Amino acid sequence: MLAACSGGGSTIVPSQNNNNGASQPQTASSEFRTVSTFVAQNTATGDYVRIFPARDVLDALRASSNGRTTQAVSNLTYHGGPVQTAPKIYVVYWGTAWSGSGDPNGERSYYNSFISLVGGSRWLNSVTQYTQSNGAHVGNASGSFVGSYIDTGSNPPSAPTQTNIANEAARAAAHYNDYSSSASYVVAMPHGIKPSGFGTQYCAWHSAATVSGKGTISYTNLPYMSDAGYSCGVGSVNSPGTLDGVSIVGGHEQGETETDPQPNTGWVDLTNNSENGDKCAWTGLEDNPYVGNYPTQPLWSNASSSCVQSY
């Protein structure tokens, strides 16, 4: 179903010397090794993914490097690939568990409500300053969330691999029949399903893969956030804040997907290999009045060379 895309299932061309001298810890994950703060490599296939580091991992890196690893003030630069000029968000809730015991904290309804508000919001509007080679801007229109469904025809293994997740994204693309560069497929895992590295290395990641005969799709691995506790956002803004991480992490991944859908070919700061969400990761968190008072992080704005919660 999936064809190789620039060294495997992803289109990342990582910078091998982009951590400003700070040493990078090796992950306990058996599937990925850390390449830089925001990039991991699949040890079996060689594929790369853009990771959103777990909060305690990033806190430790910032403390050990006095912030140099993640707080570069350089702006994002463009690297020749597409951006999402008319974003379309599709969510597949993977497996029959979503219809029963797989959603004890109500993450499905929470995420659907949040992601339905991001299109056209002032919070996400900062992405519109970024363009692709023909001058077209990233879009930000209401209604970008097209829909979601529970895939009852396939159940995830207890620890899905990158290939498993990419193939599920391809099934979702076939379901919606949208292989455009503006389409993004979010593969949401039910409670208890833990891809390798989730919660210890990362909270989510996004990548791209080529579906044979169809095109290249952008997709996100979105595990069940509350399973990871504080590491992936529980209690980051509210108390008890069980679902805080769902919108913080989900928003981070969406902002990055729209500006860099085929990773490292869109808008990236190569001084520390960061995308617009990475540069502001786990900082400035708030219940955002510009997106339904859901907890969000800011996104990087080249216009102000800073992290912004509205634009």
C-alpha atoms as a PDB file:
ATOM      1  CA  MET A   1       0.000   0.000   0.000  1.00  0.00           C
ATOM      2  CA  LEU A   2       2.750   2.449   0.966  1.00  0.00           C
ATOM      3  CA  ALA A   3       5.752   3.264  -1.151  1.00  0.00           C
ATOM      4  CA  ALA A   4       9.029   4.647   0.102  1.00  0.00           C
ATOM      5  CA  CYS A   5       9.297   8.412   0.267  1.00  0.00           C
ATOM      6  CA  SER A   6      12.768   9.909   0.704  1.00  0.00           C
ATOM      7  CA  GLY A   7      14.414   7.136   2.672  1.00  0.00           C
ATOM      8  CA  GLY A   8      11.253   5.416   3.853  1.00  0.00           C
ATOM      9  CA  GLY A   9       7.793   6.511   4.882  1.00  0.00           C
ATOM     10  CA  SER A  10       8.772  10.099   5.616  1.00  0.00           C
ATOM     11  CA  THR A  11      10.097  13.045   3.647  1.00  0.00           C
ATOM     12  CA  ILE A  12      12.368  14.427   6.339  1.00  0.00           C
ATOM     13  CA  VAL A  13      15.911  15.439   5.483  1.00  0.00           C
ATOM     14  CA  PRO A  14      17.262  15.974   8.997  1.00  0.00           C
ATOM     15  CA  SER A  15      20.136  18.177   9.951  1.00  0.00           C
ATOM     16  CA  GLN A  16      22.653  16.002  11.746  1.00  0.00           C
ATOM     17  CA  ASN A  17      24.263  18.939  13.576  1.00  0.00           C
ATOM     18  CA  ASN A  18      21.455  21.072  14.862  1.00  0.00           C
ATOM     19  CA  ASN A  19      21.456  20.915  18.640  1.00  0.00           C
ATOM     20  CA  ASN A  20      23.759  23.868  19.297  1.00  0.00           C
ATOM     21  CA  GLY A  21      26.233  21.627  21.061  1.00  0.00           C
ATOM     22  CA  ALA A  22      23.792  20.133  23.560  1.00  0.00           C
ATOM     23  CA  SER A  23      23.991  16.365  23.902  1.00  0.00           C
ATOM     24  CA  GLN A  24      20.846  14.454  23.013  1.00  0.00           C
ATOM     25  CA  PRO A  25      19.626  11.622  25.254  1.00  0.00           C
ATOM     26  CA  GLN A  26      18.907   8.309  23.580  1.00  0.00           C
ATOM     27  CA  THR A  27      15.312   7.249  23.896  1.00  0.00           C
ATOM     28  CA  ALA A  28      14.239   4.113  25.709  1.00  0.00           C
ATOM     29  CA  SER A  29      12.044   3.397  22.702  1.00  0.00           C
ATOM     30  CA  SER A  30      12.952   0.251  20.789  1.00  0.00           C
ATOM     31  CA  GLU A  31      11.574   1.700  17.546  1.00  0.00           C
ATOM     32  CA  PHE A  32      13.121   5.174  17.411  1.00  0.00           C
ATOM     33  CA  ARG A  33      16.405   6.793  18.273  1.00  0.00           C
ATOM     34  CA  THR A  34      16.760  10.507  18.908  1.00  0.00           C
ATOM     35  CA  VAL A  35      18.419  12.440  16.083  1.00  0.00           C
ATOM     36  CA  SER A  36      17.754  15.924  17.442  1.00  0.00           C
ATOM     37  CA  THR A  37      15.334  17.443  19.922  1.00  0.00           C
ATOM     38  CA  PHE A  38      12.421  17.307  17.492  1.00  0.00           C
ATOM     39  CA  VAL A  39      13.410  14.499  15.103  1.00  0.00           C
ATOM     40  CA  ALA A  40      13.576  10.736  15.646  1.00  0.00           C
ATOM     41  CA  GLN A  41      14.689   7.955  13.323  1.00  0.00           C
ATOM     42  CA  ASN A  42      13.058   4.554  13.006  1.00  0.00           C
ATOM     43  CA  THR A  43      15.819   2.098  13.900  1.00  0.00           C
ATOM     44  CA  ALA A  44      14.379  -0.634  11.667  1.00  0.00           C
ATOM     45  CA  THR A  45      13.433   1.276   8.518  1.00  0.00           C
ATOM     46  CA  GLY A  46      15.558   4.422   8.711  1.00  0.00           C
ATOM     47  CA  ASP A  47      12.437   6.598   8.364  1.00  0.00           C
ATOM     48  CA  TYR A  48      12.266   9.913  10.218  1.00  0.00           C
ATOM     49  CA  VAL A  49       9.375  11.478  12.109  1.00  0.00           C
ATOM     50  CA  ARG A  50       8.841  14.959  13.579  1.00  0.00           C
ATOM     51  CA  ILE A  51       8.257  14.411  17.286  1.00  0.00           C
ATOM     52  CA  PHE A  52       6.648  16.584  19.941  1.00  0.00           C
ATOM     53  CA  PRO A  53       8.853  15.736  22.943  1.00  0.00           C
ATOM     54  CA  ALA A  54       7.203  14.770  26.207  1.00  0.00           C
ATOM     55  CA  ARG A  55       7.050  17.700  28.608  1.00  0.00           C
ATOM     56  CA  ASP A  56       9.478  16.361  31.206  1.00  0.00           C
ATOM     57  CA  VAL A  57      11.958  15.387  28.458  1.00  0.00           C
ATOM     58  CA  LEU A  58      11.928  18.900  27.040  1.00  0.00           C
ATOM     59  CA  ASP A  59      12.093  20.488  30.496  1.00  0.00           C
ATOM     60  CA  ALA A  60      15.219  18.455  31.252  1.00  0.00           C
ATOM     61  CA  LEU A  61      16.841  19.429  27.951  1.00  0.00           C
ATOM     62  CA  ARG A  62      16.127  23.100  28.519  1.00  0.00           C
ATOM     63  CA  ALA A  63      17.568  22.945  32.015  1.00  0.00           C
ATOM     64  CA  SER A  64      20.724  21.120  30.901  1.00  0.00           C
ATOM     65  CA  SER A  65      21.446  23.483  28.001  1.00  0.00           C
ATOM     66  CA  ASN A  66      20.215  26.782  29.481  1.00  0.00           C
ATOM     67  CA  GLY A  67      17.508  26.765  26.828  1.00  0.00           C
ATOM     68  CA  ARG A  68      19.855  26.691  23.823  1.00  0.00           C
ATOM     69  CA  THR A  69      18.424  23.454  22.469  1.00  0.00           C
ATOM     70  CA  THR A  70      14.895  24.699  22.001  1.00  0.00           C
ATOM     71  CA  GLN A  71      14.760  28.461  22.389  1.00  0.00           C
ATOM     72  CA  ALA A  72      16.566  29.705  19.282  1.00  0.00           C
ATOM     73  CA  VAL A  73      15.228  33.070  18.141  1.00  0.00           C
ATOM     74  CA  SER A  74      15.931  32.515  14.443  1.00  0.00           C
ATOM     75  CA  ASN A  75      12.910  32.689  12.163  1.00  0.00           C
ATOM     76  CA  LEU A  76      11.586  29.801  10.131  1.00  0.00           C
ATOM     77  CA  THR A  77      12.860  29.496   6.573  1.00  0.00           C
ATOM     78  CA  TYR A  78      11.239  27.917   3.526  1.00  0.00           C
ATOM     79  CA  HIS A  79      12.609  24.749   1.919  1.00  0.00           C
ATOM     80  CA  GLY A  80      10.739  24.425  -1.365  1.00  0.00           C
ATOM     81  CA  GLY A  81       7.903  22.010  -0.604  1.00  0.00           C
ATOM     82  CA  PRO A  82       4.128  22.414  -0.313  1.00  0.00           C
ATOM     83  CA  VAL A  83       2.159  24.073   2.461  1.00  0.00           C
ATOM     84  CA  GLN A  84      -1.519  23.459   3.102  1.00  0.00           C
ATOM     85  CA  THR A  85      -3.249  26.221   1.192  1.00  0.00           C
ATOM     86  CA  ALA A  86      -6.725  24.858   1.967  1.00  0.00           C
ATOM     87  CA  PRO A  87      -6.322  22.618   5.044  1.00  0.00           C
ATOM     88  CA  LYS A  88      -8.644  19.641   5.385  1.00  0.00           C
ATOM     89  CA  ILE A  89      -8.506  17.696   8.645  1.00  0.00           C
ATOM     90  CA  TYR A  90      -9.636  14.071   8.777  1.00  0.00           C
ATOM     91  CA  VAL A  91      -9.567  12.010  11.969  1.00  0.00           C
ATOM     92  CA  VAL A  92      -9.709   8.230  12.138  1.00  0.00           C
ATOM     93  CA  TYR A  93     -10.386   6.710  15.551  1.00  0.00           C
ATOM     94  CA  TRP A  94      -8.620   3.419  15.150  1.00  0.00           C
ATOM     95  CA  GLY A  95     -10.366   0.288  16.363  1.00  0.00           C
ATOM     96  CA  THR A  96     -13.581  -0.999  17.876  1.00  0.00           C
ATOM     97  CA  ALA A  97     -12.461  -0.004  21.390  1.00  0.00           C
ATOM     98  CA  TRP A  98     -13.473   3.589  20.621  1.00  0.00           C
ATOM     99  CA  SER A  99     -17.093   2.423  20.695  1.00  0.00           C
ATOM    100  CA  GLY A 100     -16.699   0.951  24.181  1.00  0.00           C
ATOM    101  CA  SER A 101     -14.039   0.903  26.884  1.00  0.00           C
ATOM    102  CA  GLY A 102     -11.351   2.605  24.805  1.00  0.00           C
ATOM    103  CA  ASP A 103     -12.329   6.171  25.677  1.00  0.00           C
ATOM    104  CA  PRO A 104     -12.790   6.403  29.472  1.00  0.00           C
ATOM    105  CA  ASN A 105     -11.964  10.128  29.592  1.00  0.00           C
ATOM    106  CA  GLY A 106     -13.993  11.302  26.604  1.00  0.00           C
ATOM    107  CA  GLU A 107     -11.020  12.266  24.450  1.00  0.00           C
ATOM    108  CA  ARG A 108     -12.875  11.636  21.189  1.00  0.00           C
ATOM    109  CA  SER A 109     -15.623  14.213  21.757  1.00  0.00           C
ATOM    110  CA  TYR A 110     -13.132  16.667  23.302  1.00  0.00           C
ATOM    111  CA  TYR A 111     -10.706  16.472  20.378  1.00  0.00           C
ATOM    112  CA  ASN A 112     -13.464  16.673  17.764  1.00  0.00           C
ATOM    113  CA  SER A 113     -14.875  19.767  19.461  1.00  0.00           C
ATOM    114  CA  PHE A 114     -11.464  21.406  19.659  1.00  0.00           C
ATOM    115  CA  ILE A 115     -10.320  20.618  16.132  1.00  0.00           C
ATOM    116  CA  SER A 116     -13.641  21.849  14.716  1.00  0.00           C
ATOM    117  CA  LEU A 117     -12.822  25.308  16.107  1.00  0.00           C
ATOM    118  CA  VAL A 118      -9.227  25.759  14.957  1.00  0.00           C
ATOM    119  CA  GLY A 119     -10.014  26.576  11.323  1.00  0.00           C
ATOM    120  CA  GLY A 120     -10.599  30.308  11.001  1.00  0.00           C
ATOM    121  CA  SER A 121      -9.474  30.962  14.584  1.00  0.00           C
ATOM    122  CA  ARG A 122      -7.188  33.819  15.591  1.00  0.00           C
ATOM    123  CA  TRP A 123      -5.040  31.250  17.390  1.00  0.00           C
ATOM    124  CA  LEU A 124      -4.178  29.429  14.141  1.00  0.00           C
ATOM    125  CA  ASN A 125      -4.142  32.535  11.958  1.00  0.00           C
ATOM    126  CA  SER A 126      -0.375  32.951  12.338  1.00  0.00           C
ATOM    127  CA  VAL A 127       0.115  30.151   9.806  1.00  0.00           C
ATOM    128  CA  THR A 128      -1.240  32.350   7.009  1.00  0.00           C
ATOM    129  CA  GLN A 129       1.976  34.381   6.825  1.00  0.00           C
ATOM    130  CA  TYR A 130       3.794  31.370   5.375  1.00  0.00           C
ATOM    131  CA  THR A 131       3.775  30.688   1.625  1.00  0.00           C
ATOM    132  CA  GLN A 132       4.893  28.078  -0.863  1.00  0.00           C
ATOM    133  CA  SER A 133       6.915  28.478  -4.071  1.00  0.00           C
ATOM    134  CA  ASN A 134       4.000  29.824  -6.140  1.00  0.00           C
ATOM    135  CA  GLY A 135       3.248  32.481  -3.518  1.00  0.00           C
ATOM    136  CA  ALA A 136       0.102  30.810  -2.152  1.00  0.00           C
ATOM    137  CA  HIS A 137      -0.372  31.231   1.585  1.00  0.00           C
ATOM    138  CA  VAL A 138      -1.263  28.602   4.162  1.00  0.00           C
ATOM    139  CA  GLY A 139      -5.033  28.721   4.507  1.00  0.00           C
ATOM    140  CA  ASN A 140      -7.055  29.278   7.655  1.00  0.00           C
ATOM    141  CA  ALA A 141     -10.759  28.983   6.921  1.00  0.00           C
ATOM    142  CA  SER A 142     -13.573  27.777   9.128  1.00  0.00           C
ATOM    143  CA  GLY A 143     -14.758  24.290   8.314  1.00  0.00           C
ATOM    144  CA  SER A 144     -11.288  22.812   7.845  1.00  0.00           C
ATOM    145  CA  PHE A 145     -12.285  19.853  10.026  1.00  0.00           C
ATOM    146  CA  VAL A 146     -14.069  17.694   7.469  1.00  0.00           C
ATOM    147  CA  GLY A 147     -15.006  14.806   9.728  1.00  0.00           C
ATOM    148  CA  SER A 148     -14.084  11.725  11.716  1.00  0.00           C
ATOM    149  CA  TYR A 149     -15.065   8.094  11.916  1.00  0.00           C
ATOM    150  CA  ILE A 150     -14.334   5.005  13.982  1.00  0.00           C
ATOM    151  CA  ASP A 151     -12.535   2.389  11.910  1.00  0.00           C
ATOM    152  CA  THR A 152     -14.143  -0.825  13.117  1.00  0.00           C
ATOM    153  CA  GLY A 153     -12.597  -2.819  10.288  1.00  0.00           C
ATOM    154  CA  SER A 154      -9.108  -2.679  11.772  1.00  0.00           C
ATOM    155  CA  ASN A 155      -7.807  -2.800  15.336  1.00  0.00           C
ATOM    156  CA  PRO A 156      -4.403  -1.448  16.390  1.00  0.00           C
ATOM    157  CA  PRO A 157      -1.845  -3.754  17.983  1.00  0.00           C
ATOM    158  CA  SER A 158      -0.917  -2.917  21.572  1.00  0.00           C
ATOM    159  CA  ALA A 159       2.224  -1.118  20.363  1.00  0.00           C
ATOM    160  CA  PRO A 160       1.655   0.055  16.761  1.00  0.00           C
ATOM    161  CA  THR A 161       4.731   0.674  14.644  1.00  0.00           C
ATOM    162  CA  GLN A 162       5.230   3.594  12.302  1.00  0.00           C
ATOM    163  CA  THR A 163       4.337   1.320   9.396  1.00  0.00           C
ATOM    164  CA  ASN A 164       1.117   0.249  11.143  1.00  0.00           C
ATOM    165  CA  ILE A 165       0.146   3.884  11.697  1.00  0.00           C
ATOM    166  CA  ALA A 166       1.020   4.945   8.148  1.00  0.00           C
ATOM    167  CA  ASN A 167      -1.080   2.114   6.752  1.00  0.00           C
ATOM    168  CA  GLU A 168      -4.035   3.142   8.922  1.00  0.00           C
ATOM    169  CA  ALA A 169      -3.646   6.703   7.629  1.00  0.00           C
ATOM    170  CA  ALA A 170      -3.711   5.291   4.099  1.00  0.00           C
ATOM    171  CA  ARG A 171      -6.956   3.445   4.884  1.00  0.00           C
ATOM    172  CA  ALA A 172      -8.419   6.736   6.107  1.00  0.00           C
ATOM    173  CA  ALA A 173      -7.272   8.454   2.917  1.00  0.00           C
ATOM    174  CA  ALA A 174      -9.049   5.771   0.908  1.00  0.00           C
ATOM    175  CA  HIS A 175     -12.161   6.271   3.066  1.00  0.00           C
ATOM    176  CA  TYR A 176     -12.231  10.003   2.307  1.00  0.00           C
ATOM    177  CA  ASN A 177     -10.568   9.800  -1.127  1.00  0.00           C
ATOM    178  CA  ASP A 178      -8.431  12.872  -0.541  1.00  0.00           C
ATOM    179  CA  TYR A 179      -4.752  12.586  -1.402  1.00  0.00           C
ATOM    180  CA  SER A 180      -4.110  16.305  -1.795  1.00  0.00           C
ATOM    181  CA  SER A 181      -1.234  18.118  -0.129  1.00  0.00           C
ATOM    182  CA  SER A 182      -3.770  20.069   1.962  1.00  0.00           C
ATOM    183  CA  ALA A 183      -5.233  16.913   3.526  1.00  0.00           C
ATOM    184  CA  SER A 184      -4.045  15.759   6.936  1.00  0.00           C
ATOM    185  CA  TYR A 185      -4.956  12.436   8.522  1.00  0.00           C
ATOM    186  CA  VAL A 186      -4.915  12.137  12.313  1.00  0.00           C
ATOM    187  CA  VAL A 187      -4.705   8.544  13.535  1.00  0.00           C
ATOM    188  CA  ALA A 188      -6.117   8.581  17.086  1.00  0.00           C
ATOM    189  CA  MET A 189      -5.379   5.636  19.396  1.00  0.00           C
ATOM    190  CA  PRO A 190      -7.756   4.352  22.073  1.00  0.00           C
ATOM    191  CA  HIS A 191      -6.893   4.038  25.763  1.00  0.00           C
ATOM    192  CA  GLY A 192      -4.183   1.485  26.483  1.00  0.00           C
ATOM    193  CA  ILE A 193      -2.597   1.487  23.019  1.00  0.00           C
ATOM    194  CA  LYS A 194       0.958   2.766  23.340  1.00  0.00           C
ATOM    195  CA  PRO A 195       3.195   3.162  20.293  1.00  0.00           C
ATOM    196  CA  SER A 196       6.869   2.767  21.110  1.00  0.00           C
ATOM    197  CA  GLY A 197       8.214   5.896  22.803  1.00  0.00           C
ATOM    198  CA  PHE A 198       4.844   7.425  23.699  1.00  0.00           C
ATOM    199  CA  GLY A 199       4.995   9.269  27.004  1.00  0.00           C
ATOM    200  CA  THR A 200       8.688   8.576  27.541  1.00  0.00           C
ATOM    201  CA  GLN A 201      10.094  10.163  24.385  1.00  0.00           C
ATOM    202  CA  TYR A 202       7.220  11.961  22.731  1.00  0.00           C
ATOM    203  CA  CYS A 203       3.517  12.809  22.961  1.00  0.00           C
ATOM    204  CA  ALA A 204       2.783  12.727  19.223  1.00  0.00           C
ATOM    205  CA  TRP A 205       4.549  12.909  15.903  1.00  0.00           C
ATOM    206  CA  HIS A 206       3.745  13.717  12.304  1.00  0.00           C
ATOM    207  CA  SER A 207       5.188  12.520   9.038  1.00  0.00           C
ATOM    208  CA  ALA A 208       4.276  11.833   5.410  1.00  0.00           C
ATOM    209  CA  ALA A 209       4.082   8.721   3.276  1.00  0.00           C
ATOM    210  CA  THR A 210       3.462   7.941  -0.370  1.00  0.00           C
ATOM    211  CA  VAL A 211       0.448   5.794  -1.197  1.00  0.00           C
ATOM    212  CA  SER A 212       1.215   3.863  -4.351  1.00  0.00           C
ATOM    213  CA  GLY A 213      -0.574   5.300  -7.359  1.00  0.00           C
ATOM    214  CA  LYS A 214      -2.323   8.002  -5.302  1.00  0.00           C
ATOM    215  CA  GLY A 215       0.062  10.564  -3.862  1.00  0.00           C
ATOM    216  CA  THR A 216       1.782  11.643  -0.668  1.00  0.00           C
ATOM    217  CA  ILE A 217      -0.323  11.955   2.477  1.00  0.00           C
ATOM    218  CA  SER A 218       0.444  13.829   5.680  1.00  0.00           C
ATOM    219  CA  TYR A 219      -0.460  11.981   8.845  1.00  0.00           C
ATOM    220  CA  THR A 220      -0.212  12.288  12.627  1.00  0.00           C
ATOM    221  CA  ASN A 221       0.248   9.660  15.310  1.00  0.00           C
ATOM    222  CA  LEU A 222      -2.022  10.853  18.164  1.00  0.00           C
ATOM    223  CA  PRO A 223      -2.030   8.386  21.082  1.00  0.00           C
ATOM    224  CA  TYR A 224      -4.475   8.552  24.008  1.00  0.00           C
ATOM    225  CA  MET A 225      -2.969  11.618  25.703  1.00  0.00           C
ATOM    226  CA  SER A 226      -4.261  11.126  29.241  1.00  0.00           C
ATOM    227  CA  ASP A 227      -2.541   7.715  29.393  1.00  0.00           C
ATOM    228  CA  ALA A 228       0.793   9.569  29.647  1.00  0.00           C
ATOM    229  CA  GLY A 229      -0.227  11.877  32.505  1.00  0.00           C
ATOM    230  CA  TYR A 230       1.865  14.983  33.163  1.00  0.00           C
ATOM    231  CA  SER A 231       4.402  14.055  30.468  1.00  0.00           C
ATOM    232  CA  CYS A 232       1.797  14.791  27.799  1.00  0.00           C
ATOM    233  CA  GLY A 233      -0.109  17.643  29.361  1.00  0.00           C
ATOM    234  CA  VAL A 234      -2.415  16.425  32.122  1.00  0.00           C
ATOM    235  CA  GLY A 235      -2.849  19.336  34.548  1.00  0.00           C
ATOM    236  CA  SER A 236      -0.754  21.704  32.442  1.00  0.00           C
ATOM    237  CA  VAL A 237      -3.349  24.489  32.569  1.00  0.00           C
ATOM    238  CA  ASN A 238      -6.353  23.344  34.593  1.00  0.00           C
ATOM    239  CA  SER A 239      -6.998  21.221  37.663  1.00  0.00           C
ATOM    240  CA  PRO A 240      -7.264  18.290  37.319  1.00  0.00           C
ATOM    241  CA  GLY A 241      -6.865  19.094  33.613  1.00  0.00           C
ATOM    242  CA  THR A 242      -7.190  15.481  32.511  1.00  0.00           C
ATOM    243  CA  LEU A 243      -7.745  16.501  28.890  1.00  0.00           C
ATOM    244  CA  ASP A 244      -5.447  19.537  28.716  1.00  0.00           C
ATOM    245  CA  GLY A 245      -2.880  17.638  26.676  1.00  0.00           C
ATOM    246  CA  VAL A 246      -5.385  16.618  24.016  1.00  0.00           C
ATOM    247  CA  SER A 247      -5.776  20.157  22.688  1.00  0.00           C
ATOM    248  CA  ILE A 248      -2.221  21.279  23.496  1.00  0.00           C
ATOM    249  CA  VAL A 249      -0.668  18.369  21.625  1.00  0.00           C
ATOM    250  CA  GLY A 250      -3.348  18.157  18.937  1.00  0.00           C
ATOM    251  CA  GLY A 251      -3.030  21.871  18.208  1.00  0.00           C
ATOM    252  CA  HIS A 252       0.762  21.703  18.108  1.00  0.00           C
ATOM    253  CA  GLU A 253       0.638  18.939  15.500  1.00  0.00           C
ATOM    254  CA  GLN A 254      -1.984  20.706  13.368  1.00  0.00           C
ATOM    255  CA  GLY A 255      -0.051  23.979  13.248  1.00  0.00           C
ATOM    256  CA  GLU A 256       3.065  22.130  12.144  1.00  0.00           C
ATOM    257  CA  THR A 257       1.277  19.977   9.588  1.00  0.00           C
ATOM    258  CA  GLU A 258      -0.201  23.010   7.841  1.00  0.00           C
ATOM    259  CA  THR A 259       3.143  24.804   7.513  1.00  0.00           C
ATOM    260  CA  ASP A 260       5.329  21.721   6.929  1.00  0.00           C
ATOM    261  CA  PRO A 261       3.089  18.889   5.684  1.00  0.00           C
ATOM    262  CA  GLN A 262       5.928  16.937   4.098  1.00  0.00           C
ATOM    263  CA  PRO A 263       8.411  17.463   6.913  1.00  0.00           C
ATOM    264  CA  ASN A 264      11.453  19.633   6.420  1.00  0.00           C
ATOM    265  CA  THR A 265      10.342  20.703   2.951  1.00  0.00           C
ATOM    266  CA  GLY A 266       8.095  23.486   4.265  1.00  0.00           C
ATOM    267  CA  TRP A 267       8.863  26.047   6.977  1.00  0.00           C
ATOM    268  CA  VAL A 268      11.594  24.989   9.424  1.00  0.00           C
ATOM    269  CA  ASP A 269      14.245  26.704  11.523  1.00  0.00           C
ATOM    270  CA  LEU A 270      17.326  24.620  10.761  1.00  0.00           C
ATOM    271  CA  THR A 271      19.352  26.187  13.564  1.00  0.00           C
ATOM    272  CA  ASN A 272      17.668  23.693  15.874  1.00  0.00           C
ATOM    273  CA  ASN A 273      15.522  21.741  13.378  1.00  0.00           C
ATOM    274  CA  SER A 274      12.286  23.189  14.752  1.00  0.00           C
ATOM    275  CA  GLU A 275       8.871  23.826  13.196  1.00  0.00           C
ATOM    276  CA  ASN A 276       6.415  26.543  14.251  1.00  0.00           C
ATOM    277  CA  GLY A 277       5.035  24.433  17.105  1.00  0.00           C
ATOM    278  CA  ASP A 278       8.420  23.148  18.279  1.00  0.00           C
ATOM    279  CA  LYS A 279       9.841  26.617  18.882  1.00  0.00           C
ATOM    280  CA  CYS A 280       7.101  27.299  21.438  1.00  0.00           C
ATOM    281  CA  ALA A 281       6.612  23.774  22.819  1.00  0.00           C
ATOM    282  CA  TRP A 282       5.346  23.566  26.431  1.00  0.00           C
ATOM    283  CA  THR A 283       5.596  27.348  26.904  1.00  0.00           C
ATOM    284  CA  GLY A 284       2.928  30.022  27.342  1.00  0.00           C
ATOM    285  CA  LEU A 285       0.133  27.488  27.867  1.00  0.00           C
ATOM    286  CA  GLU A 286      -3.322  28.921  28.480  1.00  0.00           C
ATOM    287  CA  ASP A 287      -7.049  28.398  28.118  1.00  0.00           C
ATOM    288  CA  ASN A 288      -7.191  30.218  24.804  1.00  0.00           C
ATOM    289  CA  PRO A 289     -10.174  32.564  24.321  1.00  0.00           C
ATOM    290  CA  TYR A 290      -9.476  32.574  20.571  1.00  0.00           C
ATOM    291  CA  VAL A 291     -10.218  28.861  20.227  1.00  0.00           C
ATOM    292  CA  GLY A 292     -13.109  28.069  22.540  1.00  0.00           C
ATOM    293  CA  ASN A 293     -11.079  28.403  25.761  1.00  0.00           C
ATOM    294  CA  TYR A 294      -9.354  25.109  25.062  1.00  0.00           C
ATOM    295  CA  PRO A 295      -5.781  24.880  26.400  1.00  0.00           C
ATOM    296  CA  THR A 296      -3.234  25.635  23.692  1.00  0.00           C
ATOM    297  CA  GLN A 297       0.410  26.522  23.279  1.00  0.00           C
ATOM    298  CA  PRO A 298       1.517  29.477  21.153  1.00  0.00           C
ATOM    299  CA  LEU A 299       2.878  29.076  17.620  1.00  0.00           C
ATOM    300  CA  TRP A 300       5.922  30.812  16.177  1.00  0.00           C
ATOM    301  CA  SER A 301       5.366  33.948  14.118  1.00  0.00           C
ATOM    302  CA  ASN A 302       8.110  35.161  11.787  1.00  0.00           C
ATOM    303  CA  ALA A 303       6.329  38.527  11.666  1.00  0.00           C
ATOM    304  CA  SER A 304       7.133  39.220  15.310  1.00  0.00           C
ATOM    305  CA  SER A 305       9.953  36.699  15.795  1.00  0.00           C
ATOM    306  CA  SER A 306       8.091  35.355  18.796  1.00  0.00           C
ATOM    307  CA  CYS A 307       5.575  32.825  20.048  1.00  0.00           C
ATOM    308  CA  VAL A 308       1.973  34.037  19.709  1.00  0.00           C
ATOM    309  CA  GLN A 309      -1.427  32.792  20.908  1.00  0.00           C
ATOM    310  CA  SER A 310      -3.325  34.982  18.417  1.00  0.00           C
ATOM    311  CA  TYR A 311      -2.540  36.746  15.161  1.00  0.00           C
END
